[in-house]
């Protein structure tokens, strides 16, 4: 399963959410892509900062670990990493194990960025 992050027009976020809910209800979501949409590039990059993207990469490399171990791995302040992991969890890009280790539940994370689209 992969996570697809994209810029989408206002209101389309709800269309994607409805599709994902319907797929989950039909038990068809196994292996389906996870979609995360932002209304602008500015919003996308304010939520998914370079430091947060680095955390996703580090988690994919080291596997499930505590926030403390992750902070040591990336040589960053624990408090800042804790805040960033919380934001990544909010967006569904990071999950926790029953032992409270954090991990990325996707085989890949893609950012699709169309800054300019031709008007229809």
PDB file of N, CA and C in Angstrom:
ATOM      1  N   UNK A   1       0.849  -1.172   0.000  1.00  0.00           N
ATOM      2  CA  UNK A   1       0.000   0.000   0.000  1.00  0.00           C
ATOM      3  C   UNK A   1       0.895   1.235   0.000  1.00  0.00           C
ATOM      4  N   UNK A   2       0.467   2.244  -0.725  1.00  0.00           N
ATOM      5  CA  UNK A   2       1.247   3.477  -0.743  1.00  0.00           C
ATOM      6  C   UNK A   2       0.377   4.655  -0.318  1.00  0.00           C
ATOM      7  N   UNK A   3       1.038   5.689   0.160  1.00  0.00           N
ATOM      8  CA  UNK A   3       0.370   6.938   0.506  1.00  0.00           C
ATOM      9  C   UNK A   3       0.630   7.906  -0.642  1.00  0.00           C
ATOM     10  N   UNK A   4      -0.442   8.542  -1.103  1.00  0.00           N
ATOM     11  CA  UNK A   4      -0.338   9.524  -2.171  1.00  0.00           C
ATOM     12  C   UNK A   4      -0.743  10.876  -1.589  1.00  0.00           C
ATOM     13  N   UNK A   5       0.166  11.812  -1.628  1.00  0.00           N
ATOM     14  CA  UNK A   5      -0.078  13.155  -1.097  1.00  0.00           C
ATOM     15  C   UNK A   5      -0.154  14.079  -2.296  1.00  0.00           C
ATOM     16  N   UNK A   6      -1.196  14.909  -2.334  1.00  0.00           N
ATOM     17  CA  UNK A   6      -1.400  15.743  -3.513  1.00  0.00           C
ATOM     18  C   UNK A   6      -2.071  17.056  -3.164  1.00  0.00           C
ATOM     19  N   UNK A   7      -2.066  17.944  -4.125  1.00  0.00           N
ATOM     20  CA  UNK A   7      -2.793  19.200  -4.021  1.00  0.00           C
ATOM     21  C   UNK A   7      -4.111  18.986  -4.756  1.00  0.00           C
ATOM     22  N   UNK A   8      -5.203  19.323  -4.107  1.00  0.00           N
ATOM     23  CA  UNK A   8      -6.516  19.128  -4.708  1.00  0.00           C
ATOM     24  C   UNK A   8      -7.371  20.359  -4.445  1.00  0.00           C
ATOM     25  N   UNK A   9      -8.274  20.665  -5.366  1.00  0.00           N
ATOM     26  CA  UNK A   9      -9.127  21.841  -5.177  1.00  0.00           C
ATOM     27  C   UNK A   9      -9.996  21.729  -3.926  1.00  0.00           C
ATOM     28  N   UNK A  10     -10.374  22.878  -3.397  1.00  0.00           N
ATOM     29  CA  UNK A  10     -11.230  22.932  -2.215  1.00  0.00           C
ATOM     30  C   UNK A  10     -12.464  22.064  -2.433  1.00  0.00           C
ATOM     31  N   UNK A  11     -12.806  21.278  -1.432  1.00  0.00           N
ATOM     32  CA  UNK A  11     -13.990  20.420  -1.513  1.00  0.00           C
ATOM     33  C   UNK A  11     -13.684  19.022  -2.018  1.00  0.00           C
ATOM     34  N   UNK A  12     -12.637  18.861  -2.818  1.00  0.00           N
ATOM     35  CA  UNK A  12     -12.331  17.535  -3.351  1.00  0.00           C
ATOM     36  C   UNK A  12     -11.782  16.621  -2.259  1.00  0.00           C
ATOM     37  N   UNK A  13     -11.267  17.196  -1.176  1.00  0.00           N
ATOM     38  CA  UNK A  13     -10.787  16.411  -0.050  1.00  0.00           C
ATOM     39  C   UNK A  13     -11.929  15.534   0.477  1.00  0.00           C
ATOM     40  N   UNK A  14     -13.132  16.094   0.501  1.00  0.00           N
ATOM     41  CA  UNK A  14     -14.274  15.348   1.008  1.00  0.00           C
ATOM     42  C   UNK A  14     -14.680  14.229   0.059  1.00  0.00           C
ATOM     43  N   UNK A  15     -14.523  14.438  -1.234  1.00  0.00           N
ATOM     44  CA  UNK A  15     -14.824  13.389  -2.212  1.00  0.00           C
ATOM     45  C   UNK A  15     -13.898  12.196  -2.008  1.00  0.00           C
ATOM     46  N   UNK A  16     -12.611  12.460  -1.812  1.00  0.00           N
ATOM     47  CA  UNK A  16     -11.634  11.391  -1.595  1.00  0.00           C
ATOM     48  C   UNK A  16     -11.963  10.658  -0.297  1.00  0.00           C
ATOM     49  N   UNK A  17     -12.300  11.401   0.754  1.00  0.00           N
ATOM     50  CA  UNK A  17     -12.639  10.779   2.037  1.00  0.00           C
ATOM     51  C   UNK A  17     -13.850   9.872   1.896  1.00  0.00           C
ATOM     52  N   UNK A  18     -14.857  10.315   1.154  1.00  0.00           N
ATOM     53  CA  UNK A  18     -16.047   9.478   0.940  1.00  0.00           C
ATOM     54  C   UNK A  18     -15.681   8.185   0.222  1.00  0.00           C
ATOM     55  N   UNK A  19     -14.823   8.278  -0.804  1.00  0.00           N
ATOM     56  CA  UNK A  19     -14.390   7.083  -1.536  1.00  0.00           C
ATOM     57  C   UNK A  19     -13.670   6.113  -0.612  1.00  0.00           C
ATOM     58  N   UNK A  20     -12.785   6.640   0.235  1.00  0.00           N
ATOM     59  CA  UNK A  20     -12.036   5.778   1.144  1.00  0.00           C
ATOM     60  C   UNK A  20     -12.961   5.104   2.151  1.00  0.00           C
ATOM     61  N   UNK A  21     -13.956   5.830   2.649  1.00  0.00           N
ATOM     62  CA  UNK A  21     -14.914   5.235   3.587  1.00  0.00           C
ATOM     63  C   UNK A  21     -15.738   4.145   2.926  1.00  0.00           C
ATOM     64  N   UNK A  22     -16.188   4.387   1.703  1.00  0.00           N
ATOM     65  CA  UNK A  22     -16.959   3.367   0.981  1.00  0.00           C
ATOM     66  C   UNK A  22     -16.123   2.122   0.735  1.00  0.00           C
ATOM     67  N   UNK A  23     -14.861   2.306   0.369  1.00  0.00           N
ATOM     68  CA  UNK A  23     -13.969   1.168   0.129  1.00  0.00           C
ATOM     69  C   UNK A  23     -13.756   0.375   1.412  1.00  0.00           C
ATOM     70  N   UNK A  24     -13.594   1.080   2.530  1.00  0.00           N
ATOM     71  CA  UNK A  24     -13.397   0.404   3.816  1.00  0.00           C
ATOM     72  C   UNK A  24     -14.648  -0.378   4.210  1.00  0.00           C
ATOM     73  N   UNK A  25     -15.816   0.214   3.980  1.00  0.00           N
ATOM     74  CA  UNK A  25     -17.070  -0.469   4.298  1.00  0.00           C
ATOM     75  C   UNK A  25     -17.242  -1.740   3.470  1.00  0.00           C
ATOM     76  N   UNK A  26     -16.754  -1.708   2.258  1.00  0.00           N
ATOM     77  CA  UNK A  26     -16.883  -2.867   1.369  1.00  0.00           C
ATOM     78  C   UNK A  26     -15.712  -3.838   1.542  1.00  0.00           C
ATOM     79  N   UNK A  27     -14.859  -3.601   2.556  1.00  0.00           N
ATOM     80  CA  UNK A  27     -13.673  -4.431   2.797  1.00  0.00           C
ATOM     81  C   UNK A  27     -12.761  -4.487   1.581  1.00  0.00           C
ATOM     82  N   UNK A  28     -12.790  -3.462   0.767  1.00  0.00           N
ATOM     83  CA  UNK A  28     -11.947  -3.432  -0.430  1.00  0.00           C
ATOM     84  C   UNK A  28     -10.719  -2.564  -0.233  1.00  0.00           C
ATOM     85  N   UNK A  29     -10.510  -2.067   0.962  1.00  0.00           N
ATOM     86  CA  UNK A  29      -9.405  -1.129   1.170  1.00  0.00           C
ATOM     87  C   UNK A  29      -8.061  -1.816   1.356  1.00  0.00           C
ATOM     88  N   UNK A  30      -8.027  -3.131   1.535  1.00  0.00           N
ATOM     89  CA  UNK A  30      -6.744  -3.813   1.701  1.00  0.00           C
ATOM     90  C   UNK A  30      -5.923  -3.628   0.435  1.00  0.00           C
ATOM     91  N   UNK A  31      -4.754  -3.072   0.597  1.00  0.00           N
ATOM     92  CA  UNK A  31      -3.883  -2.853  -0.546  1.00  0.00           C
ATOM     93  C   UNK A  31      -4.203  -1.583  -1.321  1.00  0.00           C
ATOM     94  N   UNK A  32      -5.261  -0.897  -0.947  1.00  0.00           N
ATOM     95  CA  UNK A  32      -5.632   0.333  -1.644  1.00  0.00           C
ATOM     96  C   UNK A  32      -4.713   1.466  -1.212  1.00  0.00           C
ATOM     97  N   UNK A  33      -4.601   2.455  -2.065  1.00  0.00           N
ATOM     98  CA  UNK A  33      -3.779   3.607  -1.739  1.00  0.00           C
ATOM     99  C   UNK A  33      -4.470   4.492  -0.709  1.00  0.00           C
ATOM    100  N   UNK A  34      -3.660   5.138   0.124  1.00  0.00           N
ATOM    101  CA  UNK A  34      -4.133   6.126   1.081  1.00  0.00           C
ATOM    102  C   UNK A  34      -3.889   7.485   0.443  1.00  0.00           C
ATOM    103  N   UNK A  35      -4.915   8.308   0.382  1.00  0.00           N
ATOM    104  CA  UNK A  35      -4.789   9.630  -0.244  1.00  0.00           C
ATOM    105  C   UNK A  35      -4.884  10.718   0.811  1.00  0.00           C
ATOM    106  N   UNK A  36      -3.971  11.659   0.719  1.00  0.00           N
ATOM    107  CA  UNK A  36      -3.952  12.820   1.599  1.00  0.00           C
ATOM    108  C   UNK A  36      -3.867  14.044   0.708  1.00  0.00           C
ATOM    109  N   UNK A  37      -4.837  14.926   0.817  1.00  0.00           N
ATOM    110  CA  UNK A  37      -4.889  16.094  -0.066  1.00  0.00           C
ATOM    111  C   UNK A  37      -4.769  17.386   0.721  1.00  0.00           C
ATOM    112  N   UNK A  38      -4.098  18.344   0.123  1.00  0.00           N
ATOM    113  CA  UNK A  38      -3.982  19.688   0.666  1.00  0.00           C
ATOM    114  C   UNK A  38      -4.470  20.657  -0.398  1.00  0.00           C
ATOM    115  N   UNK A  39      -4.983  21.802   0.027  1.00  0.00           N
ATOM    116  CA  UNK A  39      -5.577  22.752  -0.914  1.00  0.00           C
ATOM    117  C   UNK A  39      -4.547  23.596  -1.656  1.00  0.00           C
ATOM    118  N   UNK A  40      -3.313  23.623  -1.167  1.00  0.00           N
ATOM    119  CA  UNK A  40      -2.283  24.408  -1.848  1.00  0.00           C
ATOM    120  C   UNK A  40      -0.909  23.830  -1.526  1.00  0.00           C
ATOM    121  N   UNK A  41       0.063  24.186  -2.353  1.00  0.00           N
ATOM    122  CA  UNK A  41       1.440  23.768  -2.095  1.00  0.00           C
ATOM    123  C   UNK A  41       1.924  24.369  -0.779  1.00  0.00           C
ATOM    124  N   UNK A  42       1.512  25.592  -0.512  1.00  0.00           N
ATOM    125  CA  UNK A  42       1.904  26.260   0.733  1.00  0.00           C
ATOM    126  C   UNK A  42       1.439  25.457   1.945  1.00  0.00           C
ATOM    127  N   UNK A  43       0.189  24.992   1.927  1.00  0.00           N
ATOM    128  CA  UNK A  43      -0.346  24.199   3.034  1.00  0.00           C
ATOM    129  C   UNK A  43       0.367  22.861   3.128  1.00  0.00           C
ATOM    130  N   UNK A  44       0.566  22.213   1.987  1.00  0.00           N
ATOM    131  CA  UNK A  44       1.253  20.924   1.977  1.00  0.00           C
ATOM    132  C   UNK A  44       2.609  21.043   2.647  1.00  0.00           C
ATOM    133  N   UNK A  45       3.398  22.031   2.231  1.00  0.00           N
ATOM    134  CA  UNK A  45       4.751  22.139   2.752  1.00  0.00           C
ATOM    135  C   UNK A  45       4.830  22.769   4.140  1.00  0.00           C
ATOM    136  N   UNK A  46       3.760  23.385   4.595  1.00  0.00           N
ATOM    137  CA  UNK A  46       3.761  23.841   5.992  1.00  0.00           C
ATOM    138  C   UNK A  46       3.431  22.675   6.921  1.00  0.00           C
ATOM    139  N   UNK A  47       2.674  21.704   6.433  1.00  0.00           N
ATOM    140  CA  UNK A  47       2.338  20.521   7.223  1.00  0.00           C
ATOM    141  C   UNK A  47       3.403  19.433   7.100  1.00  0.00           C
ATOM    142  N   UNK A  48       3.930  19.256   5.913  1.00  0.00           N
ATOM    143  CA  UNK A  48       4.967  18.239   5.672  1.00  0.00           C
ATOM    144  C   UNK A  48       6.292  18.941   5.405  1.00  0.00           C
ATOM    145  N   UNK A  49       6.865  19.434   6.481  1.00  0.00           N
ATOM    146  CA  UNK A  49       8.127  20.171   6.399  1.00  0.00           C
ATOM    147  C   UNK A  49       9.270  19.211   6.019  1.00  0.00           C
ATOM    148  N   UNK A  50      10.391  19.744   5.572  1.00  0.00           N
ATOM    149  CA  UNK A  50      11.538  18.871   5.281  1.00  0.00           C
ATOM    150  C   UNK A  50      11.926  17.995   6.478  1.00  0.00           C
ATOM    151  N   UNK A  51      11.856  18.537   7.682  1.00  0.00           N
ATOM    152  CA  UNK A  51      12.199  17.760   8.880  1.00  0.00           C
ATOM    153  C   UNK A  51      11.234  16.588   9.061  1.00  0.00           C
ATOM    154  N   UNK A  52       9.954  16.792   8.786  1.00  0.00           N
ATOM    155  CA  UNK A  52       8.966  15.712   8.918  1.00  0.00           C
ATOM    156  C   UNK A  52       9.151  14.668   7.831  1.00  0.00           C
ATOM    157  N   UNK A  53       9.493  15.106   6.635  1.00  0.00           N
ATOM    158  CA  UNK A  53       9.768  14.155   5.553  1.00  0.00           C
ATOM    159  C   UNK A  53      11.018  13.343   5.903  1.00  0.00           C
ATOM    160  N   UNK A  54      12.012  13.982   6.503  1.00  0.00           N
ATOM    161  CA  UNK A  54      13.206  13.262   6.957  1.00  0.00           C
ATOM    162  C   UNK A  54      12.847  12.198   7.996  1.00  0.00           C
ATOM    163  N   UNK A  55      11.899  12.506   8.879  1.00  0.00           N
ATOM    164  CA  UNK A  55      11.466  11.523   9.875  1.00  0.00           C
ATOM    165  C   UNK A  55      10.826  10.313   9.210  1.00  0.00           C
ATOM    166  N   UNK A  56      10.012  10.546   8.176  1.00  0.00           N
ATOM    167  CA  UNK A  56       9.409   9.427   7.449  1.00  0.00           C
ATOM    168  C   UNK A  56      10.497   8.541   6.848  1.00  0.00           C
ATOM    169  N   UNK A  57      11.499   9.163   6.243  1.00  0.00           N
ATOM    170  CA  UNK A  57      12.607   8.403   5.650  1.00  0.00           C
ATOM    171  C   UNK A  57      13.362   7.611   6.712  1.00  0.00           C
ATOM    172  N   UNK A  58      13.632   8.241   7.842  1.00  0.00           N
ATOM    173  CA  UNK A  58      14.371   7.568   8.917  1.00  0.00           C
ATOM    174  C   UNK A  58      13.571   6.382   9.459  1.00  0.00           C
ATOM    175  N   UNK A  59      12.272   6.555   9.617  1.00  0.00           N
ATOM    176  CA  UNK A  59      11.437   5.462  10.108  1.00  0.00           C
ATOM    177  C   UNK A  59      11.383   4.296   9.127  1.00  0.00           C
ATOM    178  N   UNK A  60      11.349   4.598   7.845  1.00  0.00           N
ATOM    179  CA  UNK A  60      11.354   3.523   6.841  1.00  0.00           C
ATOM    180  C   UNK A  60      12.663   2.746   6.906  1.00  0.00           C
ATOM    181  N   UNK A  61      13.766   3.430   7.188  1.00  0.00           N
ATOM    182  CA  UNK A  61      15.071   2.775   7.237  1.00  0.00           C
ATOM    183  C   UNK A  61      15.267   1.971   8.520  1.00  0.00           C
ATOM    184  N   UNK A  62      14.870   2.540   9.657  1.00  0.00           N
ATOM    185  CA  UNK A  62      15.150   1.860  10.937  1.00  0.00           C
ATOM    186  C   UNK A  62      13.995   0.992  11.420  1.00  0.00           C
ATOM    187  N   UNK A  63      12.811   1.153  10.865  1.00  0.00           N
ATOM    188  CA  UNK A  63      11.665   0.358  11.301  1.00  0.00           C
ATOM    189  C   UNK A  63      11.049   0.925  12.572  1.00  0.00           C
ATOM    190  N   UNK A  64      10.068   0.220  13.135  1.00  0.00           N
ATOM    191  CA  UNK A  64       9.375   0.724  14.329  1.00  0.00           C
ATOM    192  C   UNK A  64      10.357   1.007  15.469  1.00  0.00           C
ATOM    193  N   UNK A  65      10.185   2.165  16.082  1.00  0.00           N
ATOM    194  CA  UNK A  65      11.041   2.527  17.213  1.00  0.00           C
ATOM    195  C   UNK A  65      10.319   3.562  18.067  1.00  0.00           C
ATOM    196  N   UNK A  66      10.862   3.821  19.233  1.00  0.00           N
ATOM    197  CA  UNK A  66      10.290   4.844  20.110  1.00  0.00           C
ATOM    198  C   UNK A  66      10.608   6.222  19.549  1.00  0.00           C
ATOM    199  N   UNK A  67       9.860   7.205  19.987  1.00  0.00           N
ATOM    200  CA  UNK A  67      10.127   8.580  19.557  1.00  0.00           C
ATOM    201  C   UNK A  67      11.521   8.994  20.037  1.00  0.00           C
ATOM    202  N   UNK A  68      11.894   8.543  21.225  1.00  0.00           N
ATOM    203  CA  UNK A  68      13.224   8.866  21.757  1.00  0.00           C
ATOM    204  C   UNK A  68      14.313   8.295  20.844  1.00  0.00           C
ATOM    205  N   UNK A  69      14.171   7.033  20.454  1.00  0.00           N
ATOM    206  CA  UNK A  69      15.166   6.408  19.571  1.00  0.00           C
ATOM    207  C   UNK A  69      15.192   7.101  18.210  1.00  0.00           C
ATOM    208  N   UNK A  70      14.032   7.506  17.730  1.00  0.00           N
ATOM    209  CA  UNK A  70      13.965   8.217  16.455  1.00  0.00           C
ATOM    210  C   UNK A  70      14.700   9.556  16.554  1.00  0.00           C
ATOM    211  N   UNK A  71      14.479  10.267  17.650  1.00  0.00           N
ATOM    212  CA  UNK A  71      15.154  11.556  17.853  1.00  0.00           C
ATOM    213  C   UNK A  71      16.677  11.372  17.863  1.00  0.00           C
ATOM    214  N   UNK A  72      17.148  10.318  18.511  1.00  0.00           N
ATOM    215  CA  UNK A  72      18.595  10.043  18.532  1.00  0.00           C
ATOM    216  C   UNK A  72      19.093   9.688  17.132  1.00  0.00           C
ATOM    217  N   UNK A  73      18.300   8.914  16.387  1.00  0.00           N
ATOM    218  CA  UNK A  73      18.693   8.497  15.036  1.00  0.00           C
ATOM    219  C   UNK A  73      18.885   9.695  14.121  1.00  0.00           C
ATOM    220  N   UNK A  74      17.979  10.673  14.216  1.00  0.00           N
ATOM    221  CA  UNK A  74      18.052  11.840  13.329  1.00  0.00           C
ATOM    222  C   UNK A  74      18.808  13.011  13.962  1.00  0.00           C
ATOM    223  N   UNK A  75      19.315  12.797  15.167  1.00  0.00           N
ATOM    224  CA  UNK A  75      20.095  13.821  15.887  1.00  0.00           C
ATOM    225  C   UNK A  75      19.324  15.134  16.027  1.00  0.00           C
ATOM    226  N   UNK A  76      18.075  14.989  16.515  1.00  0.00           N
ATOM    227  CA  UNK A  76      17.238  16.172  16.749  1.00  0.00           C
ATOM    228  C   UNK A  76      16.727  16.148  18.179  1.00  0.00           C
ATOM    229  N   UNK A  77      16.265  17.288  18.635  1.00  0.00           N
ATOM    230  CA  UNK A  77      15.691  17.447  19.961  1.00  0.00           C
ATOM    231  C   UNK A  77      14.440  16.568  20.105  1.00  0.00           C
ATOM    232  N   UNK A  78      14.342  15.835  21.209  1.00  0.00           N
ATOM    233  CA  UNK A  78      13.208  14.929  21.449  1.00  0.00           C
ATOM    234  C   UNK A  78      11.863  15.652  21.348  1.00  0.00           C
ATOM    235  N   UNK A  79      11.770  16.820  21.965  1.00  0.00           N
ATOM    236  CA  UNK A  79      10.508  17.563  21.984  1.00  0.00           C
ATOM    237  C   UNK A  79      10.039  17.913  20.571  1.00  0.00           C
ATOM    238  N   UNK A  80      10.966  18.343  19.731  1.00  0.00           N
ATOM    239  CA  UNK A  80      10.613  18.694  18.349  1.00  0.00           C
ATOM    240  C   UNK A  80      10.201  17.460  17.551  1.00  0.00           C
ATOM    241  N   UNK A  81      10.912  16.355  17.750  1.00  0.00           N
ATOM    242  CA  UNK A  81      10.561  15.111  17.057  1.00  0.00           C
ATOM    243  C   UNK A  81       9.193  14.625  17.538  1.00  0.00           C
ATOM    244  N   UNK A  82       8.940  14.728  18.827  1.00  0.00           N
ATOM    245  CA  UNK A  82       7.643  14.322  19.382  1.00  0.00           C
ATOM    246  C   UNK A  82       6.505  15.117  18.734  1.00  0.00           C
ATOM    247  N   UNK A  83       6.698  16.417  18.602  1.00  0.00           N
ATOM    248  CA  UNK A  83       5.694  17.283  17.958  1.00  0.00           C
ATOM    249  C   UNK A  83       5.500  16.884  16.496  1.00  0.00           C
ATOM    250  N   UNK A  84       6.608  16.659  15.790  1.00  0.00           N
ATOM    251  CA  UNK A  84       6.524  16.289  14.376  1.00  0.00           C
ATOM    252  C   UNK A  84       5.862  14.928  14.180  1.00  0.00           C
ATOM    253  N   UNK A  85       6.174  13.972  15.034  1.00  0.00           N
ATOM    254  CA  UNK A  85       5.540  12.648  14.942  1.00  0.00           C
ATOM    255  C   UNK A  85       4.038  12.789  15.177  1.00  0.00           C
ATOM    256  N   UNK A  86       3.645  13.634  16.122  1.00  0.00           N
ATOM    257  CA  UNK A  86       2.216  13.875  16.371  1.00  0.00           C
ATOM    258  C   UNK A  86       1.516  14.412  15.135  1.00  0.00           C
ATOM    259  N   UNK A  87       2.156  15.329  14.439  1.00  0.00           N
ATOM    260  CA  UNK A  87       1.576  15.899  13.215  1.00  0.00           C
ATOM    261  C   UNK A  87       1.491  14.834  12.124  1.00  0.00           C
ATOM    262  N   UNK A  88       2.514  14.008  11.992  1.00  0.00           N
ATOM    263  CA  UNK A  88       2.490  12.929  10.996  1.00  0.00           C
ATOM    264  C   UNK A  88       1.407  11.904  11.326  1.00  0.00           C
ATOM    265  N   UNK A  89       1.197  11.654  12.618  1.00  0.00           N
ATOM    266  CA  UNK A  89       0.104  10.759  13.038  1.00  0.00           C
ATOM    267  C   UNK A  89      -1.252  11.359  12.673  1.00  0.00           C
ATOM    268  N   UNK A  90      -1.402  12.664  12.920  1.00  0.00           N
ATOM    269  CA  UNK A  90      -2.644  13.369  12.570  1.00  0.00           C
ATOM    270  C   UNK A  90      -2.997  13.163  11.106  1.00  0.00           C
ATOM    271  N   UNK A  91      -2.001  13.172  10.259  1.00  0.00           N
ATOM    272  CA  UNK A  91      -2.214  13.030   8.822  1.00  0.00           C
ATOM    273  C   UNK A  91      -2.259  11.576   8.371  1.00  0.00           C
ATOM    274  N   UNK A  92      -2.091  10.639   9.308  1.00  0.00           N
ATOM    275  CA  UNK A  92      -2.182   9.225   8.970  1.00  0.00           C
ATOM    276  C   UNK A  92      -0.943   8.647   8.320  1.00  0.00           C
ATOM    277  N   UNK A  93       0.166   9.361   8.364  1.00  0.00           N
ATOM    278  CA  UNK A  93       1.391   8.898   7.726  1.00  0.00           C
ATOM    279  C   UNK A  93       2.268   8.072   8.656  1.00  0.00           C
ATOM    280  N   UNK A  94       1.980   8.123   9.948  1.00  0.00           N
ATOM    281  CA  UNK A  94       2.705   7.367  10.962  1.00  0.00           C
ATOM    282  C   UNK A  94       1.671   6.744  11.897  1.00  0.00           C
ATOM    283  N   UNK A  95       1.947   5.523  12.336  1.00  0.00           N
ATOM    284  CA  UNK A  95       1.072   4.840  13.306  1.00  0.00           C
ATOM    285  C   UNK A  95       1.921   4.331  14.462  1.00  0.00           C
ATOM    286  N   UNK A  96       1.232   3.856  15.495  1.00  0.00           N
ATOM    287  CA  UNK A  96       1.925   3.318  16.674  1.00  0.00           C
ATOM    288  C   UNK A  96       1.574   1.845  16.863  1.00  0.00           C
ATOM    289  N   UNK A  97       2.552   1.097  17.357  1.00  0.00           N
ATOM    290  CA  UNK A  97       2.325  -0.300  17.714  1.00  0.00           C
ATOM    291  C   UNK A  97       1.702  -0.334  19.108  1.00  0.00           C
ATOM    292  N   UNK A  98       1.203  -1.486  19.556  1.00  0.00           N
ATOM    293  CA  UNK A  98       0.693  -1.578  20.934  1.00  0.00           C
ATOM    294  C   UNK A  98       1.764  -1.227  21.982  1.00  0.00           C
ATOM    295  N   UNK A  99       3.036  -1.396  21.616  1.00  0.00           N
ATOM    296  CA  UNK A  99       4.131  -1.054  22.530  1.00  0.00           C
ATOM    297  C   UNK A  99       4.512   0.422  22.443  1.00  0.00           C
ATOM    298  N   UNK A 100       3.778   1.197  21.659  1.00  0.00           N
ATOM    299  CA  UNK A 100       3.963   2.642  21.487  1.00  0.00           C
ATOM    300  C   UNK A 100       5.144   3.005  20.589  1.00  0.00           C
ATOM    301  N   UNK A 101       5.647   2.059  19.814  1.00  0.00           N
ATOM    302  CA  UNK A 101       6.683   2.382  18.824  1.00  0.00           C
ATOM    303  C   UNK A 101       5.991   3.011  17.616  1.00  0.00           C
ATOM    304  N   UNK A 102       6.653   3.930  16.962  1.00  0.00           N
ATOM    305  CA  UNK A 102       6.086   4.571  15.777  1.00  0.00           C
ATOM    306  C   UNK A 102       6.663   3.922  14.523  1.00  0.00           C
ATOM    307  N   UNK A 103       5.845   3.893  13.459  1.00  0.00           N
ATOM    308  CA  UNK A 103       6.288   3.305  12.200  1.00  0.00           C
ATOM    309  C   UNK A 103       5.487   3.893  11.046  1.00  0.00           C
ATOM    310  N   UNK A 104       6.008   3.749   9.844  1.00  0.00           N
ATOM    311  CA  UNK A 104       5.330   4.173   8.622  1.00  0.00           C
ATOM    312  C   UNK A 104       4.633   2.932   8.056  1.00  0.00           C
ATOM    313  N   UNK A 105       3.305   2.961   7.936  1.00  0.00           N
ATOM    314  CA  UNK A 105       2.573   1.761   7.503  1.00  0.00           C
ATOM    315  C   UNK A 105       2.478   1.595   5.983  1.00  0.00           C
ATOM    316  N   UNK A 106       3.299   2.306   5.236  1.00  0.00           N
ATOM    317  CA  UNK A 106       3.206   2.277   3.775  1.00  0.00           C
ATOM    318  C   UNK A 106       4.501   1.780   3.162  1.00  0.00           C
ATOM    319  N   UNK A 107       4.381   1.106   2.030  1.00  0.00           N
ATOM    320  CA  UNK A 107       5.553   0.677   1.286  1.00  0.00           C
ATOM    321  C   UNK A 107       6.237   1.876   0.634  1.00  0.00           C
ATOM    322  N   UNK A 108       5.428   2.866   0.240  1.00  0.00           N
ATOM    323  CA  UNK A 108       5.981   4.079  -0.355  1.00  0.00           C
ATOM    324  C   UNK A 108       5.078   5.260  -0.038  1.00  0.00           C
ATOM    325  N   UNK A 109       5.674   6.432  -0.073  1.00  0.00           N
ATOM    326  CA  UNK A 109       4.940   7.688   0.116  1.00  0.00           C
ATOM    327  C   UNK A 109       5.311   8.568  -1.073  1.00  0.00           C
ATOM    328  N   UNK A 110       4.296   8.979  -1.831  1.00  0.00           N
ATOM    329  CA  UNK A 110       4.526   9.805  -3.018  1.00  0.00           C
ATOM    330  C   UNK A 110       3.868  11.161  -2.830  1.00  0.00           C
ATOM    331  N   UNK A 111       4.544  12.195  -3.295  1.00  0.00           N
ATOM    332  CA  UNK A 111       3.960  13.531  -3.313  1.00  0.00           C
ATOM    333  C   UNK A 111       3.763  13.910  -4.769  1.00  0.00           C
ATOM    334  N   UNK A 112       2.509  14.098  -5.165  1.00  0.00           N
ATOM    335  CA  UNK A 112       2.185  14.530  -6.529  1.00  0.00           C
ATOM    336  C   UNK A 112       1.942  16.026  -6.476  1.00  0.00           C
ATOM    337  N   UNK A 113       2.663  16.765  -7.280  1.00  0.00           N
ATOM    338  CA  UNK A 113       2.617  18.208  -7.182  1.00  0.00           C
ATOM    339  C   UNK A 113       2.396  18.830  -8.556  1.00  0.00           C
ATOM    340  N   UNK A 114       1.166  19.177  -8.844  1.00  0.00           N
ATOM    341  CA  UNK A 114       0.837  19.910 -10.071  1.00  0.00           C
ATOM    342  C   UNK A 114       0.615  21.362  -9.656  1.00  0.00           C
ATOM    343  N   UNK A 115       1.609  22.197  -9.872  1.00  0.00           N
ATOM    344  CA  UNK A 115       1.471  23.602  -9.495  1.00  0.00           C
ATOM    345  C   UNK A 115       0.549  24.361 -10.443  1.00  0.00           C
ATOM    346  N   UNK A 116       0.583  23.983 -11.704  1.00  0.00           N
ATOM    347  CA  UNK A 116      -0.234  24.668 -12.696  1.00  0.00           C
ATOM    348  C   UNK A 116      -1.018  23.629 -13.475  1.00  0.00           C
ATOM    349  N   UNK A 117      -2.320  23.758 -13.465  1.00  0.00           N
ATOM    350  CA  UNK A 117      -3.148  22.868 -14.255  1.00  0.00           C
ATOM    351  C   UNK A 117      -3.874  23.695 -15.298  1.00  0.00           C
ATOM    352  N   UNK A 118      -3.976  23.130 -16.458  1.00  0.00           N
ATOM    353  CA  UNK A 118      -4.684  23.804 -17.546  1.00  0.00           C
ATOM    354  C   UNK A 118      -6.175  23.822 -17.215  1.00  0.00           C
ATOM    355  N   UNK A 119      -6.809  24.965 -17.368  1.00  0.00           N
ATOM    356  CA  UNK A 119      -8.234  25.071 -17.093  1.00  0.00           C
ATOM    357  C   UNK A 119      -9.019  24.226 -18.082  1.00  0.00           C
ATOM    358  N   UNK A 120     -10.068  23.597 -17.549  1.00  0.00           N
ATOM    359  CA  UNK A 120     -10.877  22.709 -18.406  1.00  0.00           C
ATOM    360  C   UNK A 120     -11.874  23.482 -19.241  1.00  0.00           C
TER     361      UNK A 120
END
